[in-house]
Amino acid sequence: MKQPFPFSAIVGQAEMKRAMILTAIDPSIGGVLVFGDRGTGKSTAVRALAALLPPIKAVKGCPVNSETAALCPDWAAVSSKATHSIPTPVVDLPLGASEDRVTGALDIEKALTKGEKAFQPGLLAQANRGYLYIDEVNLLEDHIVDLLLDVAQSGENVIEREGLSIRHAARFVLVGSGNPEEGELRPQLLDRFGLSVDVASPTDINERVEVIKRRDAYDNDHAAFMLRWQAEDAALQDKILKARKALKKLKTPDKSLHDVAELCVKLGSDGLRGELTLLKAARAYAAYRADTALTRSHIKDVAALALRHRLRRDPLDEAGSGTRVSRIVEDVLGA
């Protein structure tokens, strides 16, 4: 099986890569929404980042990738306590997936052949402790959106039907992509994404040529290409792992909390989710930079990622949301 495209080899798209890295450092940030043109490396970046991360330890045969046998749900009937290393899960949620396919349902085969009520896990179980990727997320059916909102809030998937009462952990980094011209995302789901990125096809000729060269090398000289980028990916993995540890010791001055709150008030961000997400993203970025304390510089560098999708519409302001955030950031935090 061919390895995913190396994360370090992705050309350009610096903001998208930064957002992905921040959620790898602190998954509680809440996932990434990537809106823009097709063919800009959105799904490639998700799979590349998951492949970059170290394997996770999981109980053999556990359908929800539990780290220990005690965490594996009773309904799974896993007899072994042995663990093994598996790649960080990346699960695609296709647009036409039924609710049963997403949440899990009665195992029809066992019901018919053995007369037993058994649970067949769904995509949410497979994605636990990994990534759930949704292409064209803005075209999802409303009942699937509602379901994802519940699970994203609780970190648990609960199924109550057909005589079954099942629950299991469902904690994952949600990554959604789509084209805004094909429909808007429901505000409730939009708010659940921690970070938002706008991507576009590169217009620089040299950059486009480099994309073509690297993709061609990946397809036609795979082993050599992977070897070429192995060191860069290893170095990036090391930075992420060090940042995870440093995050616990990072100092957060009261002044930084004041800056975060003032920024969100000036932008008219609804609720407090914006402040909390901005703070987490800025702290993750500071840890990634190997800094020991949060500063205005860190907040400024991630403000657009955390806030651009939380702004109220202003029909009198034709500037894009990213531009509006940058304008307010400059006003509040200085150039």
C-alpha atoms as a PDB file:
ATOM      1  CA  MET A   1       0.000   0.000   0.000  1.00  0.00           C
ATOM      2  CA  LYS A   2       1.421   3.359  -1.061  1.00  0.00           C
ATOM      3  CA  GLN A   3       2.286   5.736   1.780  1.00  0.00           C
ATOM      4  CA  PRO A   4       0.442   9.074   1.914  1.00  0.00           C
ATOM      5  CA  PHE A   5       2.058  12.130   0.348  1.00  0.00           C
ATOM      6  CA  PRO A   6       4.581  13.660   2.816  1.00  0.00           C
ATOM      7  CA  PHE A   7       3.192  16.609   4.768  1.00  0.00           C
ATOM      8  CA  SER A   8       6.447  18.542   4.426  1.00  0.00           C
ATOM      9  CA  ALA A   9       6.340  18.161   0.639  1.00  0.00           C
ATOM     10  CA  ILE A  10       3.032  20.029   0.241  1.00  0.00           C
ATOM     11  CA  VAL A  11       3.801  23.210  -1.696  1.00  0.00           C
ATOM     12  CA  GLY A  12       2.465  26.496  -0.303  1.00  0.00           C
ATOM     13  CA  GLN A  13      -0.856  26.492   1.605  1.00  0.00           C
ATOM     14  CA  ALA A  14       1.013  27.661   4.716  1.00  0.00           C
ATOM     15  CA  GLU A  15      -2.138  28.696   6.593  1.00  0.00           C
ATOM     16  CA  MET A  16      -3.849  25.343   6.022  1.00  0.00           C
ATOM     17  CA  LYS A  17      -0.754  23.457   7.162  1.00  0.00           C
ATOM     18  CA  ARG A  18      -0.453  25.658  10.248  1.00  0.00           C
ATOM     19  CA  ALA A  19      -4.075  24.970  11.195  1.00  0.00           C
ATOM     20  CA  MET A  20      -3.575  21.210  10.801  1.00  0.00           C
ATOM     21  CA  ILE A  21      -0.421  21.275  12.931  1.00  0.00           C
ATOM     22  CA  LEU A  22      -2.139  23.247  15.716  1.00  0.00           C
ATOM     23  CA  THR A  23      -4.944  20.678  15.966  1.00  0.00           C
ATOM     24  CA  ALA A  24      -2.328  17.902  16.097  1.00  0.00           C
ATOM     25  CA  ILE A  25      -0.698  19.661  19.066  1.00  0.00           C
ATOM     26  CA  ASP A  26      -4.013  20.295  20.844  1.00  0.00           C
ATOM     27  CA  PRO A  27      -6.965  18.284  19.432  1.00  0.00           C
ATOM     28  CA  SER A  28      -9.344  20.096  21.806  1.00  0.00           C
ATOM     29  CA  ILE A  29      -9.075  23.151  19.531  1.00  0.00           C
ATOM     30  CA  GLY A  30     -11.944  21.559  17.655  1.00  0.00           C
ATOM     31  CA  GLY A  31     -10.966  20.702  14.111  1.00  0.00           C
ATOM     32  CA  VAL A  32     -10.421  22.574  10.868  1.00  0.00           C
ATOM     33  CA  LEU A  33     -12.770  23.841   8.175  1.00  0.00           C
ATOM     34  CA  VAL A  34     -11.101  24.321   4.778  1.00  0.00           C
ATOM     35  CA  PHE A  35     -13.081  26.208   2.154  1.00  0.00           C
ATOM     36  CA  GLY A  36     -11.852  26.848  -1.363  1.00  0.00           C
ATOM     37  CA  ASP A  37     -11.079  25.500  -4.807  1.00  0.00           C
ATOM     38  CA  ARG A  38     -10.991  21.831  -5.650  1.00  0.00           C
ATOM     39  CA  GLY A  39      -7.557  20.270  -6.105  1.00  0.00           C
ATOM     40  CA  THR A  40      -5.790  22.457  -3.542  1.00  0.00           C
ATOM     41  CA  GLY A  41      -4.506  19.612  -1.376  1.00  0.00           C
ATOM     42  CA  LYS A  42      -7.193  19.580   1.329  1.00  0.00           C
ATOM     43  CA  SER A  43      -7.623  15.816   1.674  1.00  0.00           C
ATOM     44  CA  THR A  44      -3.923  15.264   0.918  1.00  0.00           C
ATOM     45  CA  ALA A  45      -2.983  17.447   3.904  1.00  0.00           C
ATOM     46  CA  VAL A  46      -5.262  15.523   6.306  1.00  0.00           C
ATOM     47  CA  ARG A  47      -3.875  12.118   5.328  1.00  0.00           C
ATOM     48  CA  ALA A  48      -0.323  13.434   5.255  1.00  0.00           C
ATOM     49  CA  LEU A  49      -0.582  14.856   8.765  1.00  0.00           C
ATOM     50  CA  ALA A  50      -2.123  11.670  10.181  1.00  0.00           C
ATOM     51  CA  ALA A  51       0.688   9.632   8.593  1.00  0.00           C
ATOM     52  CA  LEU A  52       3.214  12.052  10.052  1.00  0.00           C
ATOM     53  CA  LEU A  53       1.983  11.534  13.616  1.00  0.00           C
ATOM     54  CA  PRO A  54       3.319   8.610  15.647  1.00  0.00           C
ATOM     55  CA  PRO A  55       1.175   5.441  15.779  1.00  0.00           C
ATOM     56  CA  ILE A  56      -1.330   5.128  18.606  1.00  0.00           C
ATOM     57  CA  LYS A  57      -1.510   2.209  21.030  1.00  0.00           C
ATOM     58  CA  ALA A  58      -4.829   0.347  20.797  1.00  0.00           C
ATOM     59  CA  VAL A  59      -6.307  -2.887  22.146  1.00  0.00           C
ATOM     60  CA  LYS A  60      -6.302  -5.635  19.523  1.00  0.00           C
ATOM     61  CA  GLY A  61      -9.777  -6.117  18.089  1.00  0.00           C
ATOM     62  CA  CYS A  62     -11.290  -3.097  19.848  1.00  0.00           C
ATOM     63  CA  PRO A  63     -13.607  -1.389  17.320  1.00  0.00           C
ATOM     64  CA  VAL A  64     -13.133   2.063  18.913  1.00  0.00           C
ATOM     65  CA  ASN A  65      -9.325   1.991  19.146  1.00  0.00           C
ATOM     66  CA  SER A  66      -9.302   2.077  22.962  1.00  0.00           C
ATOM     67  CA  GLU A  67      -5.879   2.503  24.562  1.00  0.00           C
ATOM     68  CA  THR A  68      -6.567  -0.060  27.319  1.00  0.00           C
ATOM     69  CA  ALA A  69      -8.928  -3.012  27.743  1.00  0.00           C
ATOM     70  CA  ALA A  70     -10.716  -1.165  30.563  1.00  0.00           C
ATOM     71  CA  LEU A  71     -11.740   1.561  28.098  1.00  0.00           C
ATOM     72  CA  CYS A  72     -13.000  -0.849  25.441  1.00  0.00           C
ATOM     73  CA  PRO A  73     -16.843  -0.976  25.587  1.00  0.00           C
ATOM     74  CA  ASP A  74     -18.550  -4.084  26.977  1.00  0.00           C
ATOM     75  CA  TRP A  75     -20.585  -4.658  23.828  1.00  0.00           C
ATOM     76  CA  ALA A  76     -17.360  -5.161  21.840  1.00  0.00           C
ATOM     77  CA  ALA A  77     -16.741  -8.445  23.734  1.00  0.00           C
ATOM     78  CA  VAL A  78     -12.976  -8.176  23.249  1.00  0.00           C
ATOM     79  CA  SER A  79     -11.310 -10.983  25.202  1.00  0.00           C
ATOM     80  CA  SER A  80      -7.688  -9.943  24.724  1.00  0.00           C
ATOM     81  CA  LYS A  81      -5.964  -7.233  26.732  1.00  0.00           C
ATOM     82  CA  ALA A  82      -3.023  -7.161  24.330  1.00  0.00           C
ATOM     83  CA  THR A  83      -2.300  -3.906  22.558  1.00  0.00           C
ATOM     84  CA  HIS A  84      -0.618  -3.060  19.303  1.00  0.00           C
ATOM     85  CA  SER A  85       0.400   0.055  17.409  1.00  0.00           C
ATOM     86  CA  ILE A  86      -1.847   1.317  14.629  1.00  0.00           C
ATOM     87  CA  PRO A  87      -1.616   4.395  12.385  1.00  0.00           C
ATOM     88  CA  THR A  88      -3.601   7.426  13.522  1.00  0.00           C
ATOM     89  CA  PRO A  89      -7.069   6.730  12.024  1.00  0.00           C
ATOM     90  CA  VAL A  90      -8.336   8.852   9.129  1.00  0.00           C
ATOM     91  CA  VAL A  91     -11.969   8.095   8.264  1.00  0.00           C
ATOM     92  CA  ASP A  92     -13.895   9.569   5.339  1.00  0.00           C
ATOM     93  CA  LEU A  93     -17.554  10.414   5.870  1.00  0.00           C
ATOM     94  CA  PRO A  94     -19.145  10.257   2.400  1.00  0.00           C
ATOM     95  CA  LEU A  95     -22.010  12.609   1.572  1.00  0.00           C
ATOM     96  CA  GLY A  96     -24.532   9.856   0.958  1.00  0.00           C
ATOM     97  CA  ALA A  97     -23.792   7.909   4.140  1.00  0.00           C
ATOM     98  CA  SER A  98     -26.864   6.799   6.076  1.00  0.00           C
ATOM     99  CA  GLU A  99     -27.274   7.515   9.779  1.00  0.00           C
ATOM    100  CA  ASP A 100     -26.729   3.805  10.535  1.00  0.00           C
ATOM    101  CA  ARG A 101     -23.461   3.865   8.582  1.00  0.00           C
ATOM    102  CA  VAL A 102     -22.265   6.869  10.592  1.00  0.00           C
ATOM    103  CA  THR A 103     -23.371   5.890  14.097  1.00  0.00           C
ATOM    104  CA  GLY A 104     -23.524   2.101  13.800  1.00  0.00           C
ATOM    105  CA  ALA A 105     -26.555  -0.186  13.876  1.00  0.00           C
ATOM    106  CA  LEU A 106     -27.897  -3.661  14.545  1.00  0.00           C
ATOM    107  CA  ASP A 107     -25.719  -6.405  13.028  1.00  0.00           C
ATOM    108  CA  ILE A 108     -28.249  -7.875  10.606  1.00  0.00           C
ATOM    109  CA  GLU A 109     -26.169 -10.988   9.849  1.00  0.00           C
ATOM    110  CA  LYS A 110     -25.995 -12.051  13.506  1.00  0.00           C
ATOM    111  CA  ALA A 111     -29.649 -11.182  14.008  1.00  0.00           C
ATOM    112  CA  LEU A 112     -30.713 -13.440  11.134  1.00  0.00           C
ATOM    113  CA  THR A 113     -28.288 -16.335  11.605  1.00  0.00           C
ATOM    114  CA  LYS A 114     -28.004 -16.483  15.410  1.00  0.00           C
ATOM    115  CA  GLY A 115     -31.012 -14.513  16.608  1.00  0.00           C
ATOM    116  CA  GLU A 116     -28.678 -12.245  18.572  1.00  0.00           C
ATOM    117  CA  LYS A 117     -28.917  -8.487  18.990  1.00  0.00           C
ATOM    118  CA  ALA A 118     -25.374  -7.351  18.258  1.00  0.00           C
ATOM    119  CA  PHE A 119     -23.989  -3.928  17.406  1.00  0.00           C
ATOM    120  CA  GLN A 120     -22.181  -3.172  14.164  1.00  0.00           C
ATOM    121  CA  PRO A 121     -19.915  -0.114  14.769  1.00  0.00           C
ATOM    122  CA  GLY A 122     -20.030   2.803  12.346  1.00  0.00           C
ATOM    123  CA  LEU A 123     -17.690   5.486  11.073  1.00  0.00           C
ATOM    124  CA  LEU A 124     -17.689   7.372  14.391  1.00  0.00           C
ATOM    125  CA  ALA A 125     -16.253   4.329  16.141  1.00  0.00           C
ATOM    126  CA  GLN A 126     -13.533   3.947  13.517  1.00  0.00           C
ATOM    127  CA  ALA A 127     -12.578   7.628  13.808  1.00  0.00           C
ATOM    128  CA  ASN A 128     -12.143   7.625  17.589  1.00  0.00           C
ATOM    129  CA  ARG A 129      -8.692   9.012  18.537  1.00  0.00           C
ATOM    130  CA  GLY A 130      -8.082  10.053  14.934  1.00  0.00           C
ATOM    131  CA  TYR A 131      -9.512  12.246  12.191  1.00  0.00           C
ATOM    132  CA  LEU A 132     -12.975  12.340  10.631  1.00  0.00           C
ATOM    133  CA  TYR A 133     -12.766  13.939   7.188  1.00  0.00           C
ATOM    134  CA  ILE A 134     -15.853  15.266   5.410  1.00  0.00           C
ATOM    135  CA  ASP A 135     -15.517  16.507   1.848  1.00  0.00           C
ATOM    136  CA  GLU A 136     -18.269  18.897   0.696  1.00  0.00           C
ATOM    137  CA  VAL A 137     -19.266  19.335   4.344  1.00  0.00           C
ATOM    138  CA  ASN A 138     -21.632  22.166   3.377  1.00  0.00           C
ATOM    139  CA  LEU A 139     -23.764  19.665   1.440  1.00  0.00           C
ATOM    140  CA  LEU A 140     -24.327  17.291   4.369  1.00  0.00           C
ATOM    141  CA  GLU A 141     -27.929  16.351   5.133  1.00  0.00           C
ATOM    142  CA  ASP A 142     -29.412  18.165   8.136  1.00  0.00           C
ATOM    143  CA  HIS A 143     -29.995  15.043  10.242  1.00  0.00           C
ATOM    144  CA  ILE A 144     -26.327  14.015   9.856  1.00  0.00           C
ATOM    145  CA  VAL A 145     -25.273  17.551  10.815  1.00  0.00           C
ATOM    146  CA  ASP A 146     -27.419  17.360  13.966  1.00  0.00           C
ATOM    147  CA  LEU A 147     -25.894  14.000  14.814  1.00  0.00           C
ATOM    148  CA  LEU A 148     -22.347  15.311  14.412  1.00  0.00           C
ATOM    149  CA  LEU A 149     -23.156  18.337  16.576  1.00  0.00           C
ATOM    150  CA  ASP A 150     -24.266  16.073  19.427  1.00  0.00           C
ATOM    151  CA  VAL A 151     -21.194  13.859  19.198  1.00  0.00           C
ATOM    152  CA  ALA A 152     -18.781  16.792  18.831  1.00  0.00           C
ATOM    153  CA  GLN A 153     -20.261  18.327  21.978  1.00  0.00           C
ATOM    154  CA  SER A 154     -20.185  15.192  24.153  1.00  0.00           C
ATOM    155  CA  GLY A 155     -17.285  13.184  22.725  1.00  0.00           C
ATOM    156  CA  GLU A 156     -19.576  10.161  22.924  1.00  0.00           C
ATOM    157  CA  ASN A 157     -21.772   8.353  20.418  1.00  0.00           C
ATOM    158  CA  VAL A 158     -25.091   7.128  21.849  1.00  0.00           C
ATOM    159  CA  ILE A 159     -27.459   4.807  19.958  1.00  0.00           C
ATOM    160  CA  GLU A 160     -30.918   3.992  21.282  1.00  0.00           C
ATOM    161  CA  ARG A 161     -32.978   1.947  18.821  1.00  0.00           C
ATOM    162  CA  GLU A 162     -34.063  -1.542  17.774  1.00  0.00           C
ATOM    163  CA  GLY A 163     -33.781  -2.712  21.366  1.00  0.00           C
ATOM    164  CA  LEU A 164     -30.152  -1.638  21.523  1.00  0.00           C
ATOM    165  CA  SER A 165     -28.711   0.825  24.019  1.00  0.00           C
ATOM    166  CA  ILE A 166     -25.126   1.459  23.013  1.00  0.00           C
ATOM    167  CA  ARG A 167     -22.578   4.138  23.788  1.00  0.00           C
ATOM    168  CA  HIS A 168     -18.896   4.515  23.021  1.00  0.00           C
ATOM    169  CA  ALA A 169     -16.177   7.174  22.945  1.00  0.00           C
ATOM    170  CA  ALA A 170     -16.073   9.232  19.753  1.00  0.00           C
ATOM    171  CA  ARG A 171     -13.360  11.838  20.091  1.00  0.00           C
ATOM    172  CA  PHE A 172     -11.751  12.908  16.857  1.00  0.00           C
ATOM    173  CA  VAL A 173     -10.437  15.926  15.017  1.00  0.00           C
ATOM    174  CA  LEU A 174     -13.153  16.957  12.580  1.00  0.00           C
ATOM    175  CA  VAL A 175     -11.827  18.230   9.248  1.00  0.00           C
ATOM    176  CA  GLY A 176     -14.334  19.531   6.735  1.00  0.00           C
ATOM    177  CA  SER A 177     -13.765  20.898   3.264  1.00  0.00           C
ATOM    178  CA  GLY A 178     -15.994  22.404   0.651  1.00  0.00           C
ATOM    179  CA  ASN A 179     -16.614  25.014  -1.990  1.00  0.00           C
ATOM    180  CA  PRO A 180     -18.612  28.010  -0.644  1.00  0.00           C
ATOM    181  CA  GLU A 181     -20.185  28.519  -4.078  1.00  0.00           C
ATOM    182  CA  GLU A 182     -22.048  25.221  -3.661  1.00  0.00           C
ATOM    183  CA  GLY A 183     -23.850  26.178  -0.471  1.00  0.00           C
ATOM    184  CA  GLU A 184     -23.310  27.645   2.975  1.00  0.00           C
ATOM    185  CA  LEU A 185     -22.650  25.705   6.144  1.00  0.00           C
ATOM    186  CA  ARG A 186     -25.245  25.747   8.907  1.00  0.00           C
ATOM    187  CA  PRO A 187     -24.159  28.235  11.623  1.00  0.00           C
ATOM    188  CA  GLN A 188     -24.418  25.591  14.361  1.00  0.00           C
ATOM    189  CA  LEU A 189     -21.912  23.307  12.596  1.00  0.00           C
ATOM    190  CA  LEU A 190     -19.738  26.203  11.458  1.00  0.00           C
ATOM    191  CA  ASP A 191     -19.271  27.236  15.079  1.00  0.00           C
ATOM    192  CA  ARG A 192     -18.121  23.716  16.030  1.00  0.00           C
ATOM    193  CA  PHE A 193     -15.010  23.982  13.892  1.00  0.00           C
ATOM    194  CA  GLY A 194     -12.166  25.458  15.892  1.00  0.00           C
ATOM    195  CA  LEU A 195     -10.221  26.870  12.961  1.00  0.00           C
ATOM    196  CA  SER A 196     -11.173  27.990   9.477  1.00  0.00           C
ATOM    197  CA  VAL A 197      -8.984  28.345   6.401  1.00  0.00           C
ATOM    198  CA  ASP A 198      -9.640  29.785   2.949  1.00  0.00           C
ATOM    199  CA  VAL A 199      -7.512  28.166   0.240  1.00  0.00           C
ATOM    200  CA  ALA A 200      -7.043  28.977  -3.427  1.00  0.00           C
ATOM    201  CA  SER A 201      -5.147  27.535  -6.350  1.00  0.00           C
ATOM    202  CA  PRO A 202      -1.667  29.099  -6.586  1.00  0.00           C
ATOM    203  CA  THR A 203      -1.280  31.775  -9.230  1.00  0.00           C
ATOM    204  CA  ASP A 204       2.525  31.813  -9.224  1.00  0.00           C
ATOM    205  CA  ILE A 205       3.816  29.813 -12.205  1.00  0.00           C
ATOM    206  CA  ASN A 206       6.925  28.566 -10.421  1.00  0.00           C
ATOM    207  CA  GLU A 207       4.845  27.341  -7.489  1.00  0.00           C
ATOM    208  CA  ARG A 208       2.478  25.468  -9.784  1.00  0.00           C
ATOM    209  CA  VAL A 209       5.428  23.887 -11.598  1.00  0.00           C
ATOM    210  CA  GLU A 210       6.851  22.732  -8.254  1.00  0.00           C
ATOM    211  CA  VAL A 211       3.476  21.141  -7.348  1.00  0.00           C
ATOM    212  CA  ILE A 212       3.524  19.223 -10.643  1.00  0.00           C
ATOM    213  CA  LYS A 213       7.124  18.077 -10.147  1.00  0.00           C
ATOM    214  CA  ARG A 214       6.543  16.766  -6.645  1.00  0.00           C
ATOM    215  CA  ARG A 215       3.319  14.990  -7.512  1.00  0.00           C
ATOM    216  CA  ASP A 216       4.944  13.393 -10.553  1.00  0.00           C
ATOM    217  CA  ALA A 217       7.895  12.219  -8.432  1.00  0.00           C
ATOM    218  CA  TYR A 218       5.489  10.826  -5.810  1.00  0.00           C
ATOM    219  CA  ASP A 219       3.592   8.849  -8.458  1.00  0.00           C
ATOM    220  CA  ASN A 220       6.516   7.640 -10.586  1.00  0.00           C
ATOM    221  CA  ASP A 221       9.535   7.458  -8.267  1.00  0.00           C
ATOM    222  CA  HIS A 222       7.746   6.805  -4.988  1.00  0.00           C
ATOM    223  CA  ALA A 223      10.516   5.214  -2.906  1.00  0.00           C
ATOM    224  CA  ALA A 224      13.093   7.886  -3.702  1.00  0.00           C
ATOM    225  CA  PHE A 225      10.581  10.687  -3.185  1.00  0.00           C
ATOM    226  CA  MET A 226       9.506   9.394   0.226  1.00  0.00           C
ATOM    227  CA  LEU A 227      13.157   9.007   1.252  1.00  0.00           C
ATOM    228  CA  ARG A 228      13.848  12.580   0.134  1.00  0.00           C
ATOM    229  CA  TRP A 229      11.175  13.983   2.518  1.00  0.00           C
ATOM    230  CA  GLN A 230      11.600  11.513   5.368  1.00  0.00           C
ATOM    231  CA  ALA A 231      13.917  13.760   7.387  1.00  0.00           C
ATOM    232  CA  GLU A 232      11.657  16.816   7.083  1.00  0.00           C
ATOM    233  CA  ASP A 233       8.598  14.879   8.237  1.00  0.00           C
ATOM    234  CA  ALA A 234      10.569  13.344  11.118  1.00  0.00           C
ATOM    235  CA  ALA A 235      11.715  16.796  12.231  1.00  0.00           C
ATOM    236  CA  LEU A 236       8.146  18.111  12.072  1.00  0.00           C
ATOM    237  CA  GLN A 237       6.857  15.144  14.072  1.00  0.00           C
ATOM    238  CA  ASP A 238       9.480  15.861  16.718  1.00  0.00           C
ATOM    239  CA  LYS A 239       8.399  19.517  16.909  1.00  0.00           C
ATOM    240  CA  ILE A 240       4.747  18.500  17.359  1.00  0.00           C
ATOM    241  CA  LEU A 241       5.549  15.994  20.101  1.00  0.00           C
ATOM    242  CA  LYS A 242       7.742  18.514  21.938  1.00  0.00           C
ATOM    243  CA  ALA A 243       5.002  21.138  21.613  1.00  0.00           C
ATOM    244  CA  ARG A 244       2.454  18.763  23.187  1.00  0.00           C
ATOM    245  CA  LYS A 245       4.685  18.443  26.247  1.00  0.00           C
ATOM    246  CA  ALA A 246       5.581  22.148  26.366  1.00  0.00           C
ATOM    247  CA  LEU A 247       1.914  23.134  26.224  1.00  0.00           C
ATOM    248  CA  LYS A 248       1.372  21.996  29.814  1.00  0.00           C
ATOM    249  CA  LYS A 249       4.090  24.337  31.122  1.00  0.00           C
ATOM    250  CA  LEU A 250       3.366  27.350  28.905  1.00  0.00           C
ATOM    251  CA  LYS A 251       2.753  30.585  30.826  1.00  0.00           C
ATOM    252  CA  THR A 252      -0.361  32.592  29.961  1.00  0.00           C
ATOM    253  CA  PRO A 253      -0.199  36.183  31.268  1.00  0.00           C
ATOM    254  CA  ASP A 254      -3.442  37.937  32.258  1.00  0.00           C
ATOM    255  CA  LYS A 255      -2.613  40.560  29.644  1.00  0.00           C
ATOM    256  CA  SER A 256      -2.954  37.909  26.936  1.00  0.00           C
ATOM    257  CA  LEU A 257      -6.374  36.893  28.247  1.00  0.00           C
ATOM    258  CA  HIS A 258      -7.421  40.547  28.125  1.00  0.00           C
ATOM    259  CA  ASP A 259      -6.173  40.851  24.527  1.00  0.00           C
ATOM    260  CA  VAL A 260      -8.116  37.743  23.482  1.00  0.00           C
ATOM    261  CA  ALA A 261     -11.347  38.953  25.103  1.00  0.00           C
ATOM    262  CA  GLU A 262     -11.048  42.501  23.721  1.00  0.00           C
ATOM    263  CA  LEU A 263     -10.383  41.187  20.234  1.00  0.00           C
ATOM    264  CA  CYS A 264     -13.500  39.001  20.265  1.00  0.00           C
ATOM    265  CA  VAL A 265     -15.684  41.810  21.652  1.00  0.00           C
ATOM    266  CA  LYS A 266     -14.493  44.229  18.962  1.00  0.00           C
ATOM    267  CA  LEU A 267     -15.186  41.624  16.275  1.00  0.00           C
ATOM    268  CA  GLY A 268     -18.684  40.960  17.626  1.00  0.00           C
ATOM    269  CA  SER A 269     -18.022  37.229  18.045  1.00  0.00           C
ATOM    270  CA  ASP A 270     -21.064  35.449  19.516  1.00  0.00           C
ATOM    271  CA  GLY A 271     -20.622  33.550  22.778  1.00  0.00           C
ATOM    272  CA  LEU A 272     -17.295  32.642  24.344  1.00  0.00           C
ATOM    273  CA  ARG A 273     -16.263  29.828  22.009  1.00  0.00           C
ATOM    274  CA  GLY A 274     -14.202  32.307  19.980  1.00  0.00           C
ATOM    275  CA  GLU A 275     -12.120  33.372  22.980  1.00  0.00           C
ATOM    276  CA  LEU A 276     -11.525  29.821  24.150  1.00  0.00           C
ATOM    277  CA  THR A 277     -10.541  28.604  20.696  1.00  0.00           C
ATOM    278  CA  LEU A 278      -8.293  31.585  20.013  1.00  0.00           C
ATOM    279  CA  LEU A 279      -6.551  31.068  23.347  1.00  0.00           C
ATOM    280  CA  LYS A 280      -5.980  27.343  22.692  1.00  0.00           C
ATOM    281  CA  ALA A 281      -4.729  27.984  19.162  1.00  0.00           C
ATOM    282  CA  ALA A 282      -2.366  30.764  20.299  1.00  0.00           C
ATOM    283  CA  ARG A 283      -1.004  28.581  23.099  1.00  0.00           C
ATOM    284  CA  ALA A 284      -0.454  25.665  20.705  1.00  0.00           C
ATOM    285  CA  TYR A 285       1.338  27.999  18.298  1.00  0.00           C
ATOM    286  CA  ALA A 286       3.543  29.359  21.090  1.00  0.00           C
ATOM    287  CA  ALA A 287       4.449  25.812  22.125  1.00  0.00           C
ATOM    288  CA  TYR A 288       5.180  24.918  18.499  1.00  0.00           C
ATOM    289  CA  ARG A 289       7.524  27.903  18.313  1.00  0.00           C
ATOM    290  CA  ALA A 290       9.261  26.619  21.482  1.00  0.00           C
ATOM    291  CA  ASP A 291       8.361  29.814  23.361  1.00  0.00           C
ATOM    292  CA  THR A 292       7.742  29.616  27.099  1.00  0.00           C
ATOM    293  CA  ALA A 293       5.007  32.255  27.420  1.00  0.00           C
ATOM    294  CA  LEU A 294       2.060  33.445  25.348  1.00  0.00           C
ATOM    295  CA  THR A 295       2.519  36.848  23.677  1.00  0.00           C
ATOM    296  CA  ARG A 296       0.587  39.207  21.405  1.00  0.00           C
ATOM    297  CA  SER A 297       2.589  37.941  18.458  1.00  0.00           C
ATOM    298  CA  HIS A 298       1.190  34.424  18.875  1.00  0.00           C
ATOM    299  CA  ILE A 299      -2.381  35.733  19.178  1.00  0.00           C
ATOM    300  CA  LYS A 300      -2.020  37.902  16.076  1.00  0.00           C
ATOM    301  CA  ASP A 301      -0.646  35.030  14.000  1.00  0.00           C
ATOM    302  CA  VAL A 302      -3.622  32.712  14.643  1.00  0.00           C
ATOM    303  CA  ALA A 303      -6.463  35.232  15.105  1.00  0.00           C
ATOM    304  CA  ALA A 304      -7.783  34.908  11.550  1.00  0.00           C
ATOM    305  CA  LEU A 305      -7.748  31.095  11.773  1.00  0.00           C
ATOM    306  CA  ALA A 306      -9.816  31.066  14.959  1.00  0.00           C
ATOM    307  CA  LEU A 307     -12.218  33.939  14.284  1.00  0.00           C
ATOM    308  CA  ARG A 308     -12.901  34.530  10.591  1.00  0.00           C
ATOM    309  CA  HIS A 309     -15.800  32.049  10.513  1.00  0.00           C
ATOM    310  CA  ARG A 310     -17.409  33.444  13.679  1.00  0.00           C
ATOM    311  CA  LEU A 311     -18.107  36.980  12.440  1.00  0.00           C
ATOM    312  CA  ARG A 312     -21.620  38.284  12.017  1.00  0.00           C
ATOM    313  CA  ARG A 313     -22.474  39.290   8.477  1.00  0.00           C
ATOM    314  CA  ASP A 314     -22.107  42.985   7.732  1.00  0.00           C
ATOM    315  CA  PRO A 315     -23.933  43.890   4.495  1.00  0.00           C
ATOM    316  CA  LEU A 316     -22.242  47.308   4.449  1.00  0.00           C
ATOM    317  CA  ASP A 317     -18.731  45.844   4.609  1.00  0.00           C
ATOM    318  CA  GLU A 318     -17.598  44.223   1.371  1.00  0.00           C
ATOM    319  CA  ALA A 319     -14.235  43.126   2.780  1.00  0.00           C
ATOM    320  CA  GLY A 320     -13.763  39.425   3.340  1.00  0.00           C
ATOM    321  CA  SER A 321     -13.896  38.004   6.851  1.00  0.00           C
ATOM    322  CA  GLY A 322     -10.130  37.496   6.945  1.00  0.00           C
ATOM    323  CA  THR A 323      -9.572  41.135   6.037  1.00  0.00           C
ATOM    324  CA  ARG A 324     -12.005  42.280   8.708  1.00  0.00           C
ATOM    325  CA  VAL A 325     -10.200  40.196  11.343  1.00  0.00           C
ATOM    326  CA  SER A 326      -6.816  41.584  10.267  1.00  0.00           C
ATOM    327  CA  ARG A 327      -8.156  45.133  10.477  1.00  0.00           C
ATOM    328  CA  ILE A 328      -9.484  44.687  14.012  1.00  0.00           C
ATOM    329  CA  VAL A 329      -6.362  42.804  15.127  1.00  0.00           C
ATOM    330  CA  GLU A 330      -4.211  45.727  13.961  1.00  0.00           C
ATOM    331  CA  ASP A 331      -6.504  48.167  15.764  1.00  0.00           C
ATOM    332  CA  VAL A 332      -6.522  46.220  19.068  1.00  0.00           C
ATOM    333  CA  LEU A 333      -3.075  44.644  19.164  1.00  0.00           C
ATOM    334  CA  GLY A 334      -1.088  47.013  16.962  1.00  0.00           C
ATOM    335  CA  ALA A 335       0.588  46.494  13.608  1.00  0.00           C
END
